[in-house]
Amino acid sequence: MFGLAERFVNAKFLEISRDHWLGDQTKLESLIRFCDKEIKHPEIFWQIKRMMGAQMALRHQFLADPNDVAREVLGNAHGRRRR
């Protein structure tokens, strides 16, 4: 579940960074550094999911597509609803 949520975090932070591209460089650098660290988390979560799945008697499936969930969350963050 964490891996799913991590899918859209960097996209949102990069979107927020737009406000600082030509402005406060300290804020821009902070957002970029955050993304640099955050980008490593999804892969860790997907590795854990694969390892757990290999040990479970009944192979579990996570049916939600991470990109679809990210699009929905990011779209709703702007007051838009995708249909």
C-alpha atoms as a PDB file:
ATOM      1  CA  MET A   1       0.000   0.000   0.000  1.00  0.00           C
ATOM      2  CA  PHE A   2       2.842   2.397   0.796  1.00  0.00           C
ATOM      3  CA  GLY A   3       4.391   1.677  -2.584  1.00  0.00           C
ATOM      4  CA  LEU A   4       1.152   2.677  -4.229  1.00  0.00           C
ATOM      5  CA  ALA A   5       1.030   5.998  -2.393  1.00  0.00           C
ATOM      6  CA  GLU A   6       4.700   6.650  -3.090  1.00  0.00           C
ATOM      7  CA  ARG A   7       3.943   6.565  -6.817  1.00  0.00           C
ATOM      8  CA  PHE A   8       2.531  10.079  -6.899  1.00  0.00           C
ATOM      9  CA  VAL A   9       4.568  11.843  -4.205  1.00  0.00           C
ATOM     10  CA  ASN A  10       7.401  12.951  -6.500  1.00  0.00           C
ATOM     11  CA  ALA A  11       4.996  14.044  -9.213  1.00  0.00           C
ATOM     12  CA  LYS A  12       3.254  16.315  -6.715  1.00  0.00           C
ATOM     13  CA  PHE A  13       6.505  17.749  -5.363  1.00  0.00           C
ATOM     14  CA  LEU A  14       7.776  18.437  -8.868  1.00  0.00           C
ATOM     15  CA  GLU A  15       4.497  20.167  -9.624  1.00  0.00           C
ATOM     16  CA  ILE A  16       4.875  22.317  -6.489  1.00  0.00           C
ATOM     17  CA  SER A  17       8.448  23.142  -7.481  1.00  0.00           C
ATOM     18  CA  ARG A  18       7.157  24.988 -10.562  1.00  0.00           C
ATOM     19  CA  ASP A  19       6.305  27.953  -8.316  1.00  0.00           C
ATOM     20  CA  HIS A  20       9.994  28.296  -7.459  1.00  0.00           C
ATOM     21  CA  TRP A  21      11.724  27.671 -10.802  1.00  0.00           C
ATOM     22  CA  LEU A  22      12.518  31.347 -11.247  1.00  0.00           C
ATOM     23  CA  GLY A  23      12.002  32.389  -7.649  1.00  0.00           C
ATOM     24  CA  ASP A  24      13.248  31.113  -4.321  1.00  0.00           C
ATOM     25  CA  GLN A  25      16.134  28.834  -5.269  1.00  0.00           C
ATOM     26  CA  THR A  26      16.515  27.545  -1.710  1.00  0.00           C
ATOM     27  CA  LYS A  27      12.942  26.216  -1.782  1.00  0.00           C
ATOM     28  CA  LEU A  28      13.494  24.783  -5.253  1.00  0.00           C
ATOM     29  CA  GLU A  29      16.666  22.986  -4.164  1.00  0.00           C
ATOM     30  CA  SER A  30      14.909  21.632  -1.066  1.00  0.00           C
ATOM     31  CA  LEU A  31      12.079  20.190  -3.149  1.00  0.00           C
ATOM     32  CA  ILE A  32      14.537  18.639  -5.598  1.00  0.00           C
ATOM     33  CA  ARG A  33      16.567  17.101  -2.776  1.00  0.00           C
ATOM     34  CA  PHE A  34      13.408  15.703  -1.233  1.00  0.00           C
ATOM     35  CA  CYS A  35      12.501  14.091  -4.559  1.00  0.00           C
ATOM     36  CA  ASP A  36      15.995  12.676  -4.902  1.00  0.00           C
ATOM     37  CA  LYS A  37      15.579  10.820  -1.603  1.00  0.00           C
ATOM     38  CA  GLU A  38      11.928   9.938  -2.144  1.00  0.00           C
ATOM     39  CA  ILE A  39      12.491   8.348  -5.568  1.00  0.00           C
ATOM     40  CA  LYS A  40      14.179   5.383  -3.877  1.00  0.00           C
ATOM     41  CA  HIS A  41      11.174   4.415  -1.746  1.00  0.00           C
ATOM     42  CA  PRO A  42       8.810   2.939  -4.360  1.00  0.00           C
ATOM     43  CA  GLU A  43      11.376   0.380  -5.508  1.00  0.00           C
ATOM     44  CA  ILE A  44      11.993  -0.706  -1.921  1.00  0.00           C
ATOM     45  CA  PHE A  45       8.260  -1.196  -1.366  1.00  0.00           C
ATOM     46  CA  TRP A  46       7.828  -3.172  -4.603  1.00  0.00           C
ATOM     47  CA  GLN A  47      10.765  -5.418  -3.641  1.00  0.00           C
ATOM     48  CA  ILE A  48       9.163  -6.089  -0.248  1.00  0.00           C
ATOM     49  CA  LYS A  49       5.844  -6.843  -1.971  1.00  0.00           C
ATOM     50  CA  ARG A  50       7.540  -9.377  -4.279  1.00  0.00           C
ATOM     51  CA  MET A  51       9.357 -11.020  -1.369  1.00  0.00           C
ATOM     52  CA  MET A  52       6.191 -11.272   0.715  1.00  0.00           C
ATOM     53  CA  GLY A  53       4.195 -12.573  -2.233  1.00  0.00           C
ATOM     54  CA  ALA A  54       6.707 -15.339  -2.830  1.00  0.00           C
ATOM     55  CA  GLN A  55       6.240 -16.555   0.761  1.00  0.00           C
ATOM     56  CA  MET A  56       2.441 -16.409   0.914  1.00  0.00           C
ATOM     57  CA  ALA A  57       0.528 -19.638   0.361  1.00  0.00           C
ATOM     58  CA  LEU A  58      -2.122 -17.948  -1.763  1.00  0.00           C
ATOM     59  CA  ARG A  59      -0.452 -15.510  -4.109  1.00  0.00           C
ATOM     60  CA  HIS A  60      -1.933 -12.147  -3.287  1.00  0.00           C
ATOM     61  CA  GLN A  61      -2.599  -9.586  -5.952  1.00  0.00           C
ATOM     62  CA  PHE A  62      -2.770  -5.857  -5.661  1.00  0.00           C
ATOM     63  CA  LEU A  63      -5.216  -4.985  -8.392  1.00  0.00           C
ATOM     64  CA  ALA A  64      -4.929  -1.207  -8.383  1.00  0.00           C
ATOM     65  CA  ASP A  65      -2.666   0.214 -11.074  1.00  0.00           C
ATOM     66  CA  PRO A  66      -0.240   2.673  -9.415  1.00  0.00           C
ATOM     67  CA  ASN A  67      -0.358   5.081 -12.356  1.00  0.00           C
ATOM     68  CA  ASP A  68      -4.169   5.137 -12.382  1.00  0.00           C
ATOM     69  CA  VAL A  69      -4.267   5.860  -8.658  1.00  0.00           C
ATOM     70  CA  ALA A  70      -1.633   8.584  -9.011  1.00  0.00           C
ATOM     71  CA  ARG A  71      -3.570  10.233 -11.852  1.00  0.00           C
ATOM     72  CA  GLU A  72      -6.745  10.189  -9.783  1.00  0.00           C
ATOM     73  CA  VAL A  73      -5.057  11.618  -6.678  1.00  0.00           C
ATOM     74  CA  LEU A  74      -3.202  14.307  -8.598  1.00  0.00           C
ATOM     75  CA  GLY A  75      -6.315  15.195 -10.589  1.00  0.00           C
ATOM     76  CA  ASN A  76      -8.420  15.486  -7.436  1.00  0.00           C
ATOM     77  CA  ALA A  77      -5.757  17.633  -5.806  1.00  0.00           C
ATOM     78  CA  HIS A  78      -6.605  20.272  -8.410  1.00  0.00           C
ATOM     79  CA  GLY A  79     -10.340  19.968  -7.966  1.00  0.00           C
ATOM     80  CA  ARG A  80     -10.681  17.983 -11.203  1.00  0.00           C
ATOM     81  CA  ARG A  81     -12.305  14.616 -11.358  1.00  0.00           C
ATOM     82  CA  ARG A  82     -11.261  12.264 -14.136  1.00  0.00           C
ATOM     83  CA  ARG A  83     -13.959  10.086 -15.667  1.00  0.00           C
END
